[in-house]
Amino acid sequence: MAGRALAPFQLTATLLLALLATSHAGGIAIYWGQNQGEATLSATCASRRYQFVILAFVFQFGQDRAPRLDLADHCDASSGGCAVLSSDIRSCQRRGVKVLLSIGGGVGSYGLSSPADARIVAAYLWNSYLGGTSSSRPLGDAVLDGIDFDIELGSAKFWDNLAKDLKGMGKNTGTSVLLSAAPQCPFPDEWDGGAISTGLFDFVWVQFYNNPECQFSSGRSAFLDAWKQWESVPAGKIFLGLPASKDAAGTGFVPAGQLTSQVLPLIRGSSKYGGVMLWSKFYDDRTGYSSAIRSHV
């Protein structure tokens, strides 16, 4: 059945309303690599549920430590066994999924002792995982989209230097290096706060879990106060970080129905809103959390 053509002003208004309805549409970021019982990297991206996949973790680096990558039982990086993931990474990228490498984590041995130490770590990350060249690339010749800072241990010093160096290395070669961070929700973050304040971070997925004072279970007011503080940082987009299961964190799990009906409506209108980050793929596989919230994010 043919419809009546819209007058020019009606068409303009319709397009404007459509733009407004989608202007703050968000995506889902997911951490992958810390449990053998999760979907493969290629299957994770093929599900089309995620905008970002964060490979976790390079858990040892800095202060003359030999850098080490741990992807649990997915592969053994020390023997070169993780190079097979190169094809999976490229497959993800062809689907439009950004693949980042996370450094740090809650268990490890890492830290920076000086600006010079930060430059050494930046050069290692650039040559081993990003646009540089190295005879030893733990994930093969695939070029990752960026680096994620999940700093939860040690000193808070010199992470800003590392961020500047990584961005600079990309700029010098005409390559865009994405930077993300996963701070705790109490503001400012004890470790990542200085780095985030540089204004160099494209995405900040704030961990609104394992922090009772600012997670949603502490009340709407406490949650919103923390969210608004994070909105003020000079970063691209802010994501709401949540566990994908009750078993994935000590506190802070929000049932999918409550998230979509009570939590997301409070923050989705923000120009800084980027979506939801989930820990982690292993737990999401068991609960289907991302599938339940995807159309609402």
Protein backbone atom coordinates (compact mmCIF):
# COMPACT_ATOMS: atom_id res chain seq x y z
CA MET A 1 0.00 0.00 0.00
CA ALA A 2 1.46 3.36 -1.00
CA GLY A 3 1.66 6.02 1.72
CA ARG A 4 1.16 9.77 1.37
CA ALA A 5 4.43 11.66 0.94
CA LEU A 6 5.46 13.86 3.84
CA ALA A 7 5.72 17.59 3.34
CA PRO A 8 9.30 18.91 3.64
CA PHE A 9 8.78 20.35 7.13
CA GLN A 10 7.15 17.11 8.28
CA LEU A 11 10.05 15.10 6.91
CA THR A 12 12.55 17.35 8.69
CA ALA A 13 10.68 17.00 11.98
CA THR A 14 10.47 13.24 11.61
CA LEU A 15 14.20 12.95 10.92
CA LEU A 16 14.98 15.21 13.89
CA LEU A 17 12.88 13.08 16.22
CA ALA A 18 14.58 9.93 14.97
CA LEU A 19 17.98 11.48 15.55
CA LEU A 20 17.07 12.52 19.07
CA ALA A 21 15.72 9.07 19.84
CA THR A 22 19.02 7.45 18.91
CA SER A 23 21.55 10.15 19.81
CA HIS A 24 22.46 8.55 23.14
CA ALA A 25 22.20 4.92 22.05
CA GLY A 26 24.76 2.86 23.92
CA GLY A 27 26.74 -0.30 23.45
CA ILE A 28 28.04 -3.16 25.58
CA ALA A 29 31.66 -3.77 26.50
CA ILE A 30 32.72 -7.16 27.84
CA TYR A 31 35.87 -8.53 29.47
CA TRP A 32 37.12 -11.80 27.98
CA GLY A 33 39.99 -14.14 28.75
CA GLN A 34 39.87 -15.03 32.42
CA ASN A 35 38.06 -18.34 32.27
CA GLN A 36 38.30 -21.34 29.97
CA GLY A 37 34.58 -22.01 30.23
CA GLU A 38 33.55 -19.01 28.15
CA ALA A 39 32.83 -18.71 24.45
CA THR A 40 35.76 -18.35 22.09
CA LEU A 41 36.82 -14.88 21.06
CA SER A 42 35.50 -15.32 17.54
CA ALA A 43 32.14 -16.60 18.84
CA THR A 44 31.96 -13.69 21.30
CA CYS A 45 32.19 -11.19 18.48
CA ALA A 46 29.98 -13.22 16.12
CA SER A 47 27.14 -12.93 18.66
CA ARG A 48 26.87 -9.24 17.69
CA ARG A 49 26.02 -8.33 21.27
CA TYR A 50 29.19 -6.39 22.05
CA GLN A 51 30.70 -3.18 20.78
CA PHE A 52 33.95 -3.71 22.68
CA VAL A 53 35.79 -6.83 23.79
CA ILE A 54 38.56 -6.32 26.33
CA LEU A 55 41.21 -9.04 26.56
CA ALA A 56 42.34 -9.52 30.18
CA PHE A 57 45.11 -9.24 31.40
CA VAL A 58 48.75 -8.25 31.02
CA PHE A 59 49.20 -8.72 34.74
CA GLN A 60 52.94 -8.20 35.09
CA PHE A 61 54.98 -5.26 33.77
CA GLY A 62 57.00 -2.22 34.77
CA GLN A 63 59.92 -1.71 37.16
CA ASP A 64 62.14 -4.13 35.20
CA ARG A 65 59.59 -6.94 35.39
CA ALA A 66 59.27 -9.12 32.29
CA PRO A 67 55.77 -8.40 30.87
CA ARG A 68 53.39 -11.36 31.09
CA LEU A 69 50.00 -11.96 29.49
CA ASP A 70 47.50 -14.31 31.15
CA LEU A 71 44.43 -15.47 29.24
CA ALA A 72 43.72 -18.34 31.62
CA ASP A 73 43.33 -21.66 29.81
CA HIS A 74 42.48 -20.13 26.45
CA CYS A 75 46.15 -20.26 25.48
CA ASP A 76 49.67 -20.19 26.89
CA ALA A 77 51.30 -16.89 26.01
CA SER A 78 54.68 -17.91 27.45
CA SER A 79 55.07 -20.61 24.80
CA GLY A 80 53.69 -18.51 21.94
CA GLY A 81 50.35 -20.30 22.05
CA CYS A 82 48.22 -17.15 22.02
CA ALA A 83 49.34 -16.11 18.53
CA VAL A 84 46.51 -18.27 17.19
CA LEU A 85 44.09 -15.58 18.42
CA SER A 86 45.25 -13.25 15.66
CA SER A 87 42.63 -14.53 13.23
CA ASP A 88 39.91 -14.21 15.88
CA ILE A 89 40.92 -10.61 16.59
CA ARG A 90 40.78 -9.70 12.90
CA SER A 91 37.42 -11.45 12.63
CA CYS A 92 36.10 -9.30 15.48
CA GLN A 93 37.40 -6.14 13.88
CA ARG A 94 35.81 -6.99 10.53
CA ARG A 95 32.50 -7.15 12.38
CA GLY A 96 33.07 -3.65 13.75
CA VAL A 97 34.02 -4.81 17.26
CA LYS A 98 36.86 -2.89 18.90
CA VAL A 99 39.34 -5.20 20.63
CA LEU A 100 41.40 -3.77 23.48
CA LEU A 101 44.05 -5.26 25.74
CA SER A 102 43.67 -4.70 29.47
CA ILE A 103 46.70 -4.12 31.66
CA GLY A 104 46.62 -4.58 35.42
CA GLY A 105 43.74 -6.35 37.12
CA GLY A 106 43.05 -7.25 40.73
CA VAL A 107 45.81 -9.87 40.93
CA GLY A 108 49.29 -9.33 39.58
CA SER A 109 52.64 -7.64 39.89
CA TYR A 110 52.80 -4.32 38.10
CA GLY A 111 53.57 -0.66 38.53
CA LEU A 112 55.58 2.23 37.14
CA SER A 113 58.58 3.79 38.85
CA SER A 114 59.18 6.86 36.69
CA PRO A 115 58.28 8.63 33.42
CA ALA A 116 61.13 6.68 31.80
CA ASP A 117 59.64 3.40 33.04
CA ALA A 118 56.28 4.44 31.59
CA ARG A 119 57.95 5.03 28.21
CA ILE A 120 59.48 1.56 28.31
CA VAL A 121 56.10 -0.05 29.04
CA ALA A 122 54.42 2.07 26.35
CA ALA A 123 57.03 0.97 23.81
CA TYR A 124 56.49 -2.66 24.80
CA LEU A 125 52.71 -2.38 24.37
CA TRP A 126 53.06 -0.48 21.10
CA ASN A 127 55.50 -2.94 19.55
CA SER A 128 53.95 -6.12 20.94
CA TYR A 129 50.22 -5.46 20.51
CA LEU A 130 49.57 -2.24 18.60
CA GLY A 131 51.03 -0.66 15.46
CA GLY A 132 54.71 -1.26 16.08
CA THR A 133 56.92 -4.18 15.21
CA SER A 134 58.49 -6.84 17.40
CA SER A 135 59.95 -10.28 16.87
CA SER A 136 57.68 -11.41 19.70
CA ARG A 137 54.00 -10.49 19.47
CA PRO A 138 52.04 -12.59 22.01
CA LEU A 139 48.78 -12.28 20.05
CA GLY A 140 50.37 -12.66 16.64
CA ASP A 141 50.41 -10.00 13.95
CA ALA A 142 46.89 -8.67 14.58
CA VAL A 143 46.87 -5.00 15.56
CA LEU A 144 44.65 -4.31 18.56
CA ASP A 145 42.54 -1.16 18.74
CA GLY A 146 43.80 0.09 22.08
CA ILE A 147 44.79 -0.39 25.70
CA ASP A 148 42.56 -0.61 28.76
CA PHE A 149 43.81 0.55 32.17
CA ASP A 150 42.40 -1.64 34.96
CA ILE A 151 44.79 -0.46 37.64
CA GLU A 152 43.86 -1.78 41.08
CA LEU A 153 47.23 -2.33 42.78
CA GLY A 154 50.41 -0.52 43.68
CA SER A 155 51.20 3.14 43.23
CA ALA A 156 48.99 5.69 41.48
CA LYS A 157 52.00 7.40 39.90
CA PHE A 158 52.97 7.73 36.24
CA TRP A 159 49.85 6.21 34.65
CA ASP A 160 49.25 9.61 33.06
CA ASN A 161 52.69 9.36 31.47
CA LEU A 162 51.83 5.94 30.07
CA ALA A 163 48.59 7.28 28.57
CA LYS A 164 50.39 10.23 26.96
CA ASP A 165 53.12 8.00 25.56
CA LEU A 166 50.65 5.52 24.03
CA LYS A 167 48.58 8.25 22.41
CA GLY A 168 51.74 9.93 21.19
CA MET A 169 53.09 6.76 19.59
CA GLY A 170 49.86 6.38 17.67
CA LYS A 171 49.79 10.03 16.61
CA ASN A 172 53.37 9.90 15.37
CA THR A 173 52.46 7.11 12.94
CA GLY A 174 48.99 8.33 12.00
CA THR A 175 47.37 5.54 13.99
CA SER A 176 44.50 5.95 16.42
CA VAL A 177 45.16 4.23 19.75
CA LEU A 178 42.01 3.93 21.83
CA LEU A 179 42.41 4.27 25.58
CA SER A 180 39.92 3.05 28.16
CA ALA A 181 39.95 2.79 31.94
CA ALA A 182 38.01 0.79 34.51
CA PRO A 183 38.04 2.86 37.72
CA GLN A 184 36.13 2.07 40.90
CA CYS A 185 32.99 4.17 41.37
CA PRO A 186 34.16 6.16 44.44
CA PHE A 187 35.34 9.43 42.89
CA PRO A 188 38.11 10.10 42.05
CA ASP A 189 39.65 6.69 41.51
CA GLU A 190 42.68 5.98 43.68
CA TRP A 191 44.78 4.65 40.80
CA ASP A 192 43.28 5.70 37.46
CA GLY A 193 42.14 9.18 38.46
CA GLY A 194 45.32 11.01 37.43
CA ALA A 195 45.50 9.30 34.06
CA ILE A 196 41.82 9.93 33.28
CA SER A 197 42.24 13.63 34.09
CA THR A 198 44.61 13.97 31.11
CA GLY A 199 41.58 14.00 28.81
CA LEU A 200 43.13 11.29 26.64
CA PHE A 201 40.69 8.49 27.44
CA ASP A 202 38.06 7.59 24.88
CA PHE A 203 36.03 5.36 27.22
CA VAL A 204 35.72 5.03 30.98
CA TRP A 205 33.79 1.99 32.24
CA VAL A 206 33.23 2.71 35.91
CA GLN A 207 32.96 -0.30 38.23
CA PHE A 208 29.68 0.22 40.08
CA TYR A 209 30.17 -3.03 41.98
CA ASN A 210 32.20 -4.16 44.97
CA ASN A 211 31.80 -0.55 46.13
CA PRO A 212 28.68 -0.40 48.35
CA GLU A 213 28.88 3.37 48.88
CA CYS A 214 28.08 4.20 45.25
CA GLN A 215 26.50 1.17 43.61
CA PHE A 216 22.77 1.23 42.86
CA SER A 217 21.85 -0.98 45.84
CA SER A 218 22.91 1.90 48.10
CA GLY A 219 20.08 4.01 46.75
CA ARG A 220 19.21 6.18 43.80
CA SER A 221 20.77 9.29 45.28
CA ALA A 222 24.16 7.75 46.08
CA PHE A 223 24.32 6.14 42.66
CA LEU A 224 23.41 9.31 40.79
CA ASP A 225 25.83 11.43 42.80
CA ALA A 226 28.66 9.12 41.77
CA TRP A 227 27.51 8.94 38.15
CA LYS A 228 27.36 12.74 37.87
CA GLN A 229 30.87 13.02 39.26
CA TRP A 230 32.13 10.61 36.63
CA GLU A 231 30.27 12.55 33.94
CA SER A 232 32.47 15.52 34.80
CA VAL A 233 35.75 13.87 33.78
CA PRO A 234 37.32 14.91 30.44
CA ALA A 235 36.71 11.59 28.71
CA GLY A 236 34.79 10.53 25.64
CA LYS A 237 32.06 8.22 26.92
CA ILE A 238 31.19 6.86 30.37
CA PHE A 239 29.94 3.29 30.74
CA LEU A 240 28.09 1.74 33.66
CA GLY A 241 30.21 -1.19 34.80
CA LEU A 242 28.30 -4.14 36.28
CA PRO A 243 28.76 -7.85 37.03
CA ALA A 244 26.88 -10.12 34.63
CA SER A 245 25.93 -12.44 37.48
CA LYS A 246 25.56 -12.48 41.25
CA ASP A 247 28.56 -14.80 41.28
CA ALA A 248 30.74 -12.36 39.35
CA ALA A 249 31.22 -9.89 42.22
CA GLY A 250 30.78 -9.60 45.95
CA THR A 251 28.20 -6.81 45.70
CA GLY A 252 26.57 -4.64 43.08
CA PHE A 253 24.69 -7.08 40.88
CA VAL A 254 21.57 -5.48 39.37
CA PRO A 255 18.94 -7.86 37.91
CA ALA A 256 18.36 -7.21 34.21
CA GLY A 257 14.75 -6.12 34.72
CA GLN A 258 15.72 -3.61 37.37
CA LEU A 259 18.56 -2.29 35.24
CA THR A 260 16.35 -1.63 32.25
CA SER A 261 13.39 -0.21 34.17
CA GLN A 262 15.02 1.72 37.02
CA VAL A 263 18.71 2.34 36.37
CA LEU A 264 19.30 3.01 32.69
CA PRO A 265 16.46 5.57 32.42
CA LEU A 266 18.36 7.68 34.98
CA ILE A 267 21.55 7.95 32.91
CA ARG A 268 20.70 7.20 29.29
CA GLY A 269 19.90 10.83 28.53
CA SER A 270 23.40 11.99 29.36
CA SER A 271 25.56 13.13 26.45
CA LYS A 272 28.45 11.24 28.09
CA TYR A 273 26.52 7.97 28.36
CA GLY A 274 28.21 5.22 26.35
CA GLY A 275 26.47 2.06 27.51
CA VAL A 276 27.18 -0.83 29.87
CA MET A 277 30.38 -2.74 30.65
CA LEU A 278 30.04 -6.30 31.91
CA TRP A 279 32.35 -8.51 33.93
CA SER A 280 32.72 -10.94 32.33
CA LYS A 281 32.04 -13.13 29.29
CA PHE A 282 32.18 -16.28 31.40
CA TYR A 283 29.33 -15.09 33.61
CA ASP A 284 27.37 -13.54 30.75
CA ASP A 285 27.38 -16.91 28.99
CA ARG A 286 25.66 -18.43 32.01
CA THR A 287 23.05 -15.75 32.66
CA GLY A 288 22.34 -14.29 29.22
CA TYR A 289 22.54 -10.86 30.84
CA SER A 290 23.71 -9.00 27.73
CA SER A 291 20.92 -10.49 25.64
CA ALA A 292 18.35 -9.40 28.21
CA ILE A 293 19.51 -5.78 28.32
CA ARG A 294 20.80 -5.23 24.79
CA SER A 295 17.71 -3.57 23.34
CA HIS A 296 17.53 -1.18 26.29
CA VAL A 297 21.17 -0.10 26.42
